[in-house]
Amino acid sequence: YRISGHLETLVKNNLYDVAVMERDNISLSEGNSYRLDQDGNLWNGD
């Protein structure tokens, strides 16, 4: 029970770090304007 709880907290923190890393990865320093094109591709800017 205790190991499951500690591991769950560790996993949660790791997942959060990864999500933030990916969010930062898709952001642009010059500004963010997200859109989908007609083929379903996700863009930031042009």
All heavy atoms as atom14 arrays in JSON, in Angstrom:
{
  "sequence": "YRISGHLETLVKNNLYDVAVMERDNISLSEGNSYRLDQDGNLWNGD",
  "atom14_mask": [
    [1, 1, 1, 1, 1, 1, 1, 1, 1, 1, 1, 1, 0, 0],
    [1, 1, 1, 1, 1, 1, 1, 1, 1, 1, 1, 0, 0, 0],
    [1, 1, 1, 1, 1, 1, 1, 1, 0, 0, 0, 0, 0, 0],
    [1, 1, 1, 1, 1, 1, 0, 0, 0, 0, 0, 0, 0, 0],
    [1, 1, 1, 1, 0, 0, 0, 0, 0, 0, 0, 0, 0, 0],
    [1, 1, 1, 1, 1, 1, 1, 1, 1, 1, 0, 0, 0, 0],
    [1, 1, 1, 1, 1, 1, 1, 1, 0, 0, 0, 0, 0, 0],
    [1, 1, 1, 1, 1, 1, 1, 1, 1, 0, 0, 0, 0, 0],
    [1, 1, 1, 1, 1, 1, 1, 0, 0, 0, 0, 0, 0, 0],
    [1, 1, 1, 1, 1, 1, 1, 1, 0, 0, 0, 0, 0, 0],
    [1, 1, 1, 1, 1, 1, 1, 0, 0, 0, 0, 0, 0, 0],
    [1, 1, 1, 1, 1, 1, 1, 1, 1, 0, 0, 0, 0, 0],
    [1, 1, 1, 1, 1, 1, 1, 1, 0, 0, 0, 0, 0, 0],
    [1, 1, 1, 1, 1, 1, 1, 1, 0, 0, 0, 0, 0, 0],
    [1, 1, 1, 1, 1, 1, 1, 1, 0, 0, 0, 0, 0, 0],
    [1, 1, 1, 1, 1, 1, 1, 1, 1, 1, 1, 1, 0, 0],
    [1, 1, 1, 1, 1, 1, 1, 1, 0, 0, 0, 0, 0, 0],
    [1, 1, 1, 1, 1, 1, 1, 0, 0, 0, 0, 0, 0, 0],
    [1, 1, 1, 1, 1, 0, 0, 0, 0, 0, 0, 0, 0, 0],
    [1, 1, 1, 1, 1, 1, 1, 0, 0, 0, 0, 0, 0, 0],
    [1, 1, 1, 1, 1, 1, 1, 1, 0, 0, 0, 0, 0, 0],
    [1, 1, 1, 1, 1, 1, 1, 1, 1, 0, 0, 0, 0, 0],
    [1, 1, 1, 1, 1, 1, 1, 1, 1, 1, 1, 0, 0, 0],
    [1, 1, 1, 1, 1, 1, 1, 1, 0, 0, 0, 0, 0, 0],
    [1, 1, 1, 1, 1, 1, 1, 1, 0, 0, 0, 0, 0, 0],
    [1, 1, 1, 1, 1, 1, 1, 1, 0, 0, 0, 0, 0, 0],
    [1, 1, 1, 1, 1, 1, 0, 0, 0, 0, 0, 0, 0, 0],
    [1, 1, 1, 1, 1, 1, 1, 1, 0, 0, 0, 0, 0, 0],
    [1, 1, 1, 1, 1, 1, 0, 0, 0, 0, 0, 0, 0, 0],
    [1, 1, 1, 1, 1, 1, 1, 1, 1, 0, 0, 0, 0, 0],
    [1, 1, 1, 1, 0, 0, 0, 0, 0, 0, 0, 0, 0, 0],
    [1, 1, 1, 1, 1, 1, 1, 1, 0, 0, 0, 0, 0, 0],
    [1, 1, 1, 1, 1, 1, 0, 0, 0, 0, 0, 0, 0, 0],
    [1, 1, 1, 1, 1, 1, 1, 1, 1, 1, 1, 1, 0, 0],
    [1, 1, 1, 1, 1, 1, 1, 1, 1, 1, 1, 0, 0, 0],
    [1, 1, 1, 1, 1, 1, 1, 1, 0, 0, 0, 0, 0, 0],
    [1, 1, 1, 1, 1, 1, 1, 1, 0, 0, 0, 0, 0, 0],
    [1, 1, 1, 1, 1, 1, 1, 1, 1, 0, 0, 0, 0, 0],
    [1, 1, 1, 1, 1, 1, 1, 1, 0, 0, 0, 0, 0, 0],
    [1, 1, 1, 1, 0, 0, 0, 0, 0, 0, 0, 0, 0, 0],
    [1, 1, 1, 1, 1, 1, 1, 1, 0, 0, 0, 0, 0, 0],
    [1, 1, 1, 1, 1, 1, 1, 1, 0, 0, 0, 0, 0, 0],
    [1, 1, 1, 1, 1, 1, 1, 1, 1, 1, 1, 1, 1, 1],
    [1, 1, 1, 1, 1, 1, 1, 1, 0, 0, 0, 0, 0, 0],
    [1, 1, 1, 1, 0, 0, 0, 0, 0, 0, 0, 0, 0, 0],
    [1, 1, 1, 1, 1, 1, 1, 1, 0, 0, 0, 0, 0, 0]
  ],
  "atom14_positions": [
    [[0.83, -1.21, 0.0], [0.0, 0.0, 0.0], [0.87, 1.25, 0.0], [0.63, 2.2, -0.77], [-0.93, -0.02, 1.21], [-1.75, 1.24, 1.38], [-2.89, 1.46, 0.6], [-1.38, 2.22, 2.31], [-3.64, 2.61, 0.76], [-2.12, 3.37, 2.45], [-3.26, 3.56, 1.68], [-4.0, 4.71, 1.83], [0.0, 0.0, 0.0], [0.0, 0.0, 0.0]],
    [[1.87, 1.27, 0.87], [2.72, 2.45, 0.99], [3.58, 2.65, -0.26], [3.75, 3.78, -0.75], [3.61, 2.33, 2.23], [2.84, 2.4, 3.54], [3.77, 2.27, 4.73], [4.69, 3.39, 4.81], [4.41, 4.54, 5.44], [3.25, 4.7, 6.03], [5.3, 5.51, 5.48], [0.0, 0.0, 0.0], [0.0, 0.0, 0.0], [0.0, 0.0, 0.0]],
    [[4.12, 1.55, -0.8], [4.93, 1.66, -2.01], [4.08, 2.15, -3.17], [4.52, 2.98, -3.97], [5.59, 0.3, -2.33], [6.69, 0.0, -1.31], [6.2, 0.31, -3.74], [7.26, -1.4, -1.42], [0.0, 0.0, 0.0], [0.0, 0.0, 0.0], [0.0, 0.0, 0.0], [0.0, 0.0, 0.0], [0.0, 0.0, 0.0], [0.0, 0.0, 0.0]],
    [[2.85, 1.63, -3.28], [1.95, 2.07, -4.35], [1.7, 3.57, -4.25], [1.7, 4.28, -5.26], [0.63, 1.31, -4.27], [0.82, -0.07, -4.47], [0.0, 0.0, 0.0], [0.0, 0.0, 0.0], [0.0, 0.0, 0.0], [0.0, 0.0, 0.0], [0.0, 0.0, 0.0], [0.0, 0.0, 0.0], [0.0, 0.0, 0.0], [0.0, 0.0, 0.0]],
    [[1.49, 4.07, -3.02], [1.24, 5.49, -2.83], [2.44, 6.34, -3.2], [2.31, 7.36, -3.89], [0.0, 0.0, 0.0], [0.0, 0.0, 0.0], [0.0, 0.0, 0.0], [0.0, 0.0, 0.0], [0.0, 0.0, 0.0], [0.0, 0.0, 0.0], [0.0, 0.0, 0.0], [0.0, 0.0, 0.0], [0.0, 0.0, 0.0], [0.0, 0.0, 0.0]],
    [[3.62, 5.92, -2.74], [4.84, 6.68, -3.05], [5.14, 6.65, -4.55], [5.54, 7.66, -5.14], [6.03, 6.11, -2.27], [6.02, 6.45, -0.81], [5.94, 7.74, -0.34], [6.05, 5.66, 0.29], [5.94, 7.76, 0.98], [6.0, 6.49, 1.39], [0.0, 0.0, 0.0], [0.0, 0.0, 0.0], [0.0, 0.0, 0.0], [0.0, 0.0, 0.0]],
    [[4.96, 5.48, -5.17], [5.23, 5.35, -6.6], [4.24, 6.18, -7.4], [4.61, 6.79, -8.41], [5.16, 3.88, -7.01], [5.61, 3.56, -8.44], [7.05, 4.01, -8.66], [5.48, 2.07, -8.73], [0.0, 0.0, 0.0], [0.0, 0.0, 0.0], [0.0, 0.0, 0.0], [0.0, 0.0, 0.0], [0.0, 0.0, 0.0], [0.0, 0.0, 0.0]],
    [[2.99, 6.21, -6.96], [1.98, 7.02, -7.64], [2.36, 8.49, -7.63], [2.23, 9.19, -8.65], [0.63, 6.82, -6.95], [-0.51, 7.58, -7.62], [-1.83, 7.34, -6.9], [-2.29, 6.18, -6.91], [-2.39, 8.3, -6.35], [0.0, 0.0, 0.0], [0.0, 0.0, 0.0], [0.0, 0.0, 0.0], [0.0, 0.0, 0.0], [0.0, 0.0, 0.0]],
    [[2.85, 8.98, -6.48], [3.28, 10.38, -6.38], [4.48, 10.64, -7.29], [4.53, 11.67, -7.98], [3.67, 10.71, -4.92], [2.53, 10.5, -4.09], [4.13, 12.15, -4.8], [0.0, 0.0, 0.0], [0.0, 0.0, 0.0], [0.0, 0.0, 0.0], [0.0, 0.0, 0.0], [0.0, 0.0, 0.0], [0.0, 0.0, 0.0], [0.0, 0.0, 0.0]],
    [[5.41, 9.71, -7.32], [6.6, 9.84, -8.18], [6.2, 9.87, -9.65], [6.68, 10.71, -10.42], [7.57, 8.69, -7.92], [8.87, 8.69, -8.72], [9.69, 9.92, -8.4], [9.68, 7.43, -8.44], [0.0, 0.0, 0.0], [0.0, 0.0, 0.0], [0.0, 0.0, 0.0], [0.0, 0.0, 0.0], [0.0, 0.0, 0.0], [0.0, 0.0, 0.0]],
    [[5.3, 8.96, -10.03], [4.82, 8.91, -11.42], [4.11, 10.21, -11.79], [4.33, 10.78, -12.86], [3.89, 7.71, -11.62], [3.14, 7.81, -12.96], [4.67, 6.41, -11.58], [0.0, 0.0, 0.0], [0.0, 0.0, 0.0], [0.0, 0.0, 0.0], [0.0, 0.0, 0.0], [0.0, 0.0, 0.0], [0.0, 0.0, 0.0], [0.0, 0.0, 0.0]],
    [[3.26, 10.7, -10.89], [2.53, 11.95, -11.14], [3.49, 13.1, -11.4], [3.31, 13.88, -12.34], [1.62, 12.27, -9.95], [0.84, 13.57, -10.11], [-0.02, 13.83, -8.88], [-0.76, 15.16, -9.01], [-1.61, 15.44, -7.83], [0.0, 0.0, 0.0], [0.0, 0.0, 0.0], [0.0, 0.0, 0.0], [0.0, 0.0, 0.0], [0.0, 0.0, 0.0]],
    [[4.53, 13.21, -10.58], [5.5, 14.29, -10.74], [6.27, 14.16, -12.05], [6.51, 15.16, -12.75], [6.47, 14.31, -9.57], [5.81, 14.71, -8.26], [4.77, 15.37, -8.26], [6.4, 14.32, -7.15], [0.0, 0.0, 0.0], [0.0, 0.0, 0.0], [0.0, 0.0, 0.0], [0.0, 0.0, 0.0], [0.0, 0.0, 0.0], [0.0, 0.0, 0.0]],
    [[6.64, 12.94, -12.39], [7.36, 12.71, -13.65], [6.49, 13.04, -14.85], [6.95, 13.65, -15.83], [7.85, 11.26, -13.73], [9.03, 10.98, -12.81], [9.69, 11.9, -12.35], [9.3, 9.72, -12.55], [0.0, 0.0, 0.0], [0.0, 0.0, 0.0], [0.0, 0.0, 0.0], [0.0, 0.0, 0.0], [0.0, 0.0, 0.0], [0.0, 0.0, 0.0]],
    [[5.22, 12.63, -14.79], [4.3, 12.91, -15.89], [4.09, 14.41, -16.05], [4.03, 14.92, -17.18], [2.96, 12.22, -15.65], [2.97, 10.69, -15.66], [1.57, 10.14, -15.42], [3.53, 10.13, -16.97], [0.0, 0.0, 0.0], [0.0, 0.0, 0.0], [0.0, 0.0, 0.0], [0.0, 0.0, 0.0], [0.0, 0.0, 0.0], [0.0, 0.0, 0.0]],
    [[4.0, 15.1, -14.94], [3.83, 16.56, -15.0], [5.05, 17.21, -15.67], [4.89, 18.09, -16.53], [3.64, 17.13, -13.6], [3.54, 18.64, -13.57], [2.35, 19.28, -13.93], [4.64, 19.43, -13.22], [2.26, 20.66, -13.93], [4.55, 20.81, -13.22], [3.36, 21.42, -13.57], [3.28, 22.79, -13.57], [0.0, 0.0, 0.0], [0.0, 0.0, 0.0]],
    [[6.23, 16.78, -15.29], [7.45, 17.34, -15.89], [7.49, 17.1, -17.4], [7.89, 17.99, -18.16], [8.7, 16.72, -15.24], [8.89, 17.17, -13.79], [8.3, 18.18, -13.41], [9.64, 16.48, -13.06], [0.0, 0.0, 0.0], [0.0, 0.0, 0.0], [0.0, 0.0, 0.0], [0.0, 0.0, 0.0], [0.0, 0.0, 0.0], [0.0, 0.0, 0.0]],
    [[7.08, 15.91, -17.81], [7.07, 15.59, -19.25], [6.04, 16.45, -19.98], [6.32, 16.97, -21.07], [6.77, 14.09, -19.46], [6.47, 13.8, -20.94], [7.95, 13.24, -19.0], [0.0, 0.0, 0.0], [0.0, 0.0, 0.0], [0.0, 0.0, 0.0], [0.0, 0.0, 0.0], [0.0, 0.0, 0.0], [0.0, 0.0, 0.0], [0.0, 0.0, 0.0]],
    [[4.86, 16.61, -19.39], [3.82, 17.41, -20.03], [4.26, 18.86, -20.19], [4.06, 19.47, -21.24], [2.52, 17.32, -19.21], [0.0, 0.0, 0.0], [0.0, 0.0, 0.0], [0.0, 0.0, 0.0], [0.0, 0.0, 0.0], [0.0, 0.0, 0.0], [0.0, 0.0, 0.0], [0.0, 0.0, 0.0], [0.0, 0.0, 0.0], [0.0, 0.0, 0.0]],
    [[4.88, 19.4, -19.15], [5.38, 20.78, -19.23], [6.49, 20.89, -20.28], [6.54, 21.86, -21.05], [5.9, 21.24, -17.85], [6.63, 22.57, -17.97], [4.74, 21.36, -16.86], [0.0, 0.0, 0.0], [0.0, 0.0, 0.0], [0.0, 0.0, 0.0], [0.0, 0.0, 0.0], [0.0, 0.0, 0.0], [0.0, 0.0, 0.0], [0.0, 0.0, 0.0]],
    [[7.36, 19.9, -20.33], [8.44, 19.9, -21.32], [7.87, 19.92, -22.74], [8.36, 20.68, -23.6], [9.3, 18.65, -21.14], [10.55, 18.6, -22.01], [11.38, 16.98, -21.93], [11.56, 16.78, -20.15], [0.0, 0.0, 0.0], [0.0, 0.0, 0.0], [0.0, 0.0, 0.0], [0.0, 0.0, 0.0], [0.0, 0.0, 0.0], [0.0, 0.0, 0.0]],
    [[6.84, 19.12, -22.97], [6.24, 19.08, -24.31], [5.49, 20.37, -24.61], [5.52, 20.87, -25.74], [5.31, 17.88, -24.44], [4.64, 17.74, -25.8], [5.62, 17.67, -26.96], [6.8, 17.31, -26.75], [5.21, 17.98, -28.1], [0.0, 0.0, 0.0], [0.0, 0.0, 0.0], [0.0, 0.0, 0.0], [0.0, 0.0, 0.0], [0.0, 0.0, 0.0]],
    [[4.82, 20.93, -23.62], [4.13, 22.21, -23.84], [5.14, 23.3, -24.2], [4.89, 24.11, -25.11], [3.34, 22.61, -22.6], [2.54, 23.91, -22.79], [1.72, 24.25, -21.56], [2.55, 24.51, -20.39], [2.06, 24.75, -19.17], [0.74, 24.76, -18.98], [2.87, 24.99, -18.16], [0.0, 0.0, 0.0], [0.0, 0.0, 0.0], [0.0, 0.0, 0.0]],
    [[6.27, 23.29, -23.5], [7.31, 24.28, -23.82], [7.89, 24.03, -25.21], [8.27, 24.97, -25.93], [8.44, 24.22, -22.78], [7.99, 24.71, -21.41], [6.93, 25.36, -21.33], [8.69, 24.42, -20.43], [0.0, 0.0, 0.0], [0.0, 0.0, 0.0], [0.0, 0.0, 0.0], [0.0, 0.0, 0.0], [0.0, 0.0, 0.0], [0.0, 0.0, 0.0]],
    [[7.96, 22.76, -25.6], [8.53, 22.39, -26.89], [7.7, 22.91, -28.06], [8.25, 23.23, -29.12], [8.67, 20.87, -26.99], [9.37, 20.42, -28.24], [10.51, 20.78, -28.5], [8.69, 19.6, -29.06], [0.0, 0.0, 0.0], [0.0, 0.0, 0.0], [0.0, 0.0, 0.0], [0.0, 0.0, 0.0], [0.0, 0.0, 0.0], [0.0, 0.0, 0.0]],
    [[6.37, 22.97, -27.87], [5.52, 23.42, -28.98], [5.27, 24.93, -28.94], [4.56, 25.47, -29.8], [4.17, 22.67, -28.99], [3.34, 23.02, -27.76], [4.39, 21.17, -29.1], [1.92, 22.42, -27.78], [0.0, 0.0, 0.0], [0.0, 0.0, 0.0], [0.0, 0.0, 0.0], [0.0, 0.0, 0.0], [0.0, 0.0, 0.0], [0.0, 0.0, 0.0]],
    [[5.86, 25.6, -27.95], [5.69, 27.05, -27.84], [6.82, 27.76, -28.6], [7.92, 27.24, -28.73], [5.72, 27.48, -26.37], [4.68, 26.88, -25.65], [0.0, 0.0, 0.0], [0.0, 0.0, 0.0], [0.0, 0.0, 0.0], [0.0, 0.0, 0.0], [0.0, 0.0, 0.0], [0.0, 0.0, 0.0], [0.0, 0.0, 0.0], [0.0, 0.0, 0.0]],
    [[6.51, 28.95, -29.08], [7.49, 29.74, -29.82], [7.76, 31.04, -29.07], [6.83, 31.66, -28.53], [6.97, 30.07, -31.22], [6.73, 28.87, -32.15], [6.09, 29.33, -33.45], [8.03, 28.12, -32.43], [0.0, 0.0, 0.0], [0.0, 0.0, 0.0], [0.0, 0.0, 0.0], [0.0, 0.0, 0.0], [0.0, 0.0, 0.0], [0.0, 0.0, 0.0]],
    [[9.0, 31.42, -29.04], [9.37, 32.64, -28.31], [8.76, 33.89, -28.95], [8.46, 34.87, -28.27], [10.9, 32.78, -28.25], [11.45, 32.8, -29.56], [0.0, 0.0, 0.0], [0.0, 0.0, 0.0], [0.0, 0.0, 0.0], [0.0, 0.0, 0.0], [0.0, 0.0, 0.0], [0.0, 0.0, 0.0], [0.0, 0.0, 0.0], [0.0, 0.0, 0.0]],
    [[8.54, 33.84, -30.27], [8.01, 35.02, -30.96], [6.5, 35.13, -30.87], [5.9, 36.1, -31.35], [8.43, 35.02, -32.43], [7.94, 33.83, -33.24], [8.95, 32.69, -33.29], [9.76, 32.58, -32.35], [8.9, 31.93, -34.27], [0.0, 0.0, 0.0], [0.0, 0.0, 0.0], [0.0, 0.0, 0.0], [0.0, 0.0, 0.0], [0.0, 0.0, 0.0]],
    [[5.85, 34.14, -30.23], [4.4, 34.21, -30.07], [3.73, 32.89, -30.46], [4.3, 32.09, -31.21], [0.0, 0.0, 0.0], [0.0, 0.0, 0.0], [0.0, 0.0, 0.0], [0.0, 0.0, 0.0], [0.0, 0.0, 0.0], [0.0, 0.0, 0.0], [0.0, 0.0, 0.0], [0.0, 0.0, 0.0], [0.0, 0.0, 0.0], [0.0, 0.0, 0.0]],
    [[2.54, 32.68, -29.93], [1.83, 31.41, -30.16], [0.45, 31.65, -30.73], [-0.36, 32.41, -30.17], [1.72, 30.64, -28.83], [3.08, 30.29, -28.26], [3.84, 29.54, -28.84], [3.4, 30.87, -27.1], [0.0, 0.0, 0.0], [0.0, 0.0, 0.0], [0.0, 0.0, 0.0], [0.0, 0.0, 0.0], [0.0, 0.0, 0.0], [0.0, 0.0, 0.0]],
    [[0.21, 31.0, -31.85], [-1.11, 31.04, -32.48], [-1.35, 29.67, -33.11], [-0.87, 29.38, -34.21], [-1.15, 32.14, -33.55], [-2.43, 32.16, -34.17], [0.0, 0.0, 0.0], [0.0, 0.0, 0.0], [0.0, 0.0, 0.0], [0.0, 0.0, 0.0], [0.0, 0.0, 0.0], [0.0, 0.0, 0.0], [0.0, 0.0, 0.0], [0.0, 0.0, 0.0]],
    [[-2.06, 28.81, -32.39], [-2.23, 27.41, -32.8], [-3.44, 27.26, -33.72], [-4.45, 27.95, -33.58], [-2.41, 26.53, -31.57], [-1.24, 26.56, -30.6], [-1.23, 27.43, -29.51], [-0.14, 25.74, -30.79], [-0.16, 27.47, -28.63], [0.94, 25.77, -29.92], [0.92, 26.65, -28.84], [1.99, 26.69, -27.98], [0.0, 0.0, 0.0], [0.0, 0.0, 0.0]],
    [[-3.31, 26.3, -34.64], [-4.41, 26.04, -35.57], [-4.26, 24.65, -36.17], [-3.18, 24.06, -36.15], [-4.44, 27.08, -36.7], [-3.18, 27.05, -37.57], [-3.19, 28.13, -38.64], [-1.94, 28.13, -39.4], [-1.69, 27.35, -40.44], [-2.61, 26.49, -40.88], [-0.52, 27.42, -41.08], [0.0, 0.0, 0.0], [0.0, 0.0, 0.0], [0.0, 0.0, 0.0]],
    [[-5.35, 24.14, -36.69], [-5.34, 22.88, -37.45], [-5.5, 23.2, -38.92], [-6.33, 24.04, -39.3], [-6.49, 21.96, -37.02], [-6.36, 21.19, -35.7], [-7.6, 20.31, -35.51], [-5.1, 20.34, -35.69], [0.0, 0.0, 0.0], [0.0, 0.0, 0.0], [0.0, 0.0, 0.0], [0.0, 0.0, 0.0], [0.0, 0.0, 0.0], [0.0, 0.0, 0.0]],
    [[-4.72, 22.53, -39.78], [-4.93, 22.71, -41.21], [-5.96, 21.7, -41.71], [-6.5, 20.89, -40.94], [-3.6, 22.61, -41.98], [-2.98, 21.22, -41.93], [-3.68, 20.25, -41.59], [-1.76, 21.1, -42.22], [0.0, 0.0, 0.0], [0.0, 0.0, 0.0], [0.0, 0.0, 0.0], [0.0, 0.0, 0.0], [0.0, 0.0, 0.0], [0.0, 0.0, 0.0]],
    [[-6.24, 21.71, -42.99], [-7.3, 20.86, -43.54], [-6.95, 19.38, -43.49], [-7.83, 18.53, -43.61], [-7.56, 21.27, -45.0], [-6.34, 21.15, -45.91], [-6.62, 21.66, -47.31], [-7.7, 22.19, -47.58], [-5.66, 21.5, -48.2], [0.0, 0.0, 0.0], [0.0, 0.0, 0.0], [0.0, 0.0, 0.0], [0.0, 0.0, 0.0], [0.0, 0.0, 0.0]],
    [[-5.67, 19.06, -43.3], [-5.25, 17.66, -43.2], [-5.18, 17.17, -41.75], [-4.76, 16.04, -41.49], [-3.88, 17.47, -43.86], [-3.92, 17.76, -45.35], [-4.9, 17.35, -46.0], [-2.97, 18.39, -45.86], [0.0, 0.0, 0.0], [0.0, 0.0, 0.0], [0.0, 0.0, 0.0], [0.0, 0.0, 0.0], [0.0, 0.0, 0.0], [0.0, 0.0, 0.0]],
    [[-5.55, 18.04, -40.82], [-5.53, 17.65, -39.41], [-4.19, 17.84, -38.74], [-3.98, 17.36, -37.62], [0.0, 0.0, 0.0], [0.0, 0.0, 0.0], [0.0, 0.0, 0.0], [0.0, 0.0, 0.0], [0.0, 0.0, 0.0], [0.0, 0.0, 0.0], [0.0, 0.0, 0.0], [0.0, 0.0, 0.0], [0.0, 0.0, 0.0], [0.0, 0.0, 0.0]],
    [[-3.27, 18.54, -39.4], [-1.96, 18.82, -38.8], [-2.05, 20.03, -37.88], [-2.71, 21.02, -38.21], [-0.91, 19.09, -39.88], [-0.62, 17.86, -40.71], [-0.42, 16.78, -40.17], [-0.58, 18.02, -42.02], [0.0, 0.0, 0.0], [0.0, 0.0, 0.0], [0.0, 0.0, 0.0], [0.0, 0.0, 0.0], [0.0, 0.0, 0.0], [0.0, 0.0, 0.0]],
    [[-1.38, 19.95, -36.75], [-1.38, 21.05, -35.79], [-0.19, 21.97, -36.06], [0.95, 21.5, -36.16], [-1.31, 20.49, -34.36], [-1.27, 21.52, -33.23], [-2.56, 22.35, -33.21], [-1.07, 20.83, -31.88], [0.0, 0.0, 0.0], [0.0, 0.0, 0.0], [0.0, 0.0, 0.0], [0.0, 0.0, 0.0], [0.0, 0.0, 0.0], [0.0, 0.0, 0.0]],
    [[-0.48, 23.25, -36.15], [0.55, 24.25, -36.42], [0.58, 25.27, -35.3], [-0.43, 25.53, -34.64], [0.26, 24.99, -37.73], [0.42, 24.17, -38.98], [-0.41, 23.18, -39.44], [1.48, 24.29, -39.93], [0.06, 22.67, -40.62], [1.22, 23.32, -40.95], [2.61, 25.09, -40.04], [2.05, 23.16, -42.05], [3.44, 24.94, -41.14], [3.17, 23.97, -42.13]],
    [[1.75, 25.87, -35.13], [1.89, 27.08, -34.31], [2.46, 28.15, -35.23], [3.62, 28.08, -35.66], [2.81, 26.84, -33.12], [2.81, 28.02, -32.15], [2.16, 29.02, -32.38], [3.56, 27.88, -31.06], [0.0, 0.0, 0.0], [0.0, 0.0, 0.0], [0.0, 0.0, 0.0], [0.0, 0.0, 0.0], [0.0, 0.0, 0.0], [0.0, 0.0, 0.0]],
    [[1.62, 29.13, -35.54], [2.02, 30.13, -36.52], [1.97, 29.54, -37.93], [1.36, 28.5, -38.19], [0.0, 0.0, 0.0], [0.0, 0.0, 0.0], [0.0, 0.0, 0.0], [0.0, 0.0, 0.0], [0.0, 0.0, 0.0], [0.0, 0.0, 0.0], [0.0, 0.0, 0.0], [0.0, 0.0, 0.0], [0.0, 0.0, 0.0], [0.0, 0.0, 0.0]],
    [[2.7, 30.16, -38.82], [2.67, 29.75, -40.24], [3.83, 28.83, -40.61], [3.83, 28.25, -41.71], [2.71, 30.99, -41.14], [1.46, 31.85, -40.99], [0.38, 31.27, -40.76], [1.58, 33.09, -41.08], [0.0, 0.0, 0.0], [0.0, 0.0, 0.0], [0.0, 0.0, 0.0], [0.0, 0.0, 0.0], [0.0, 0.0, 0.0], [0.0, 0.0, 0.0]]
  ]
}
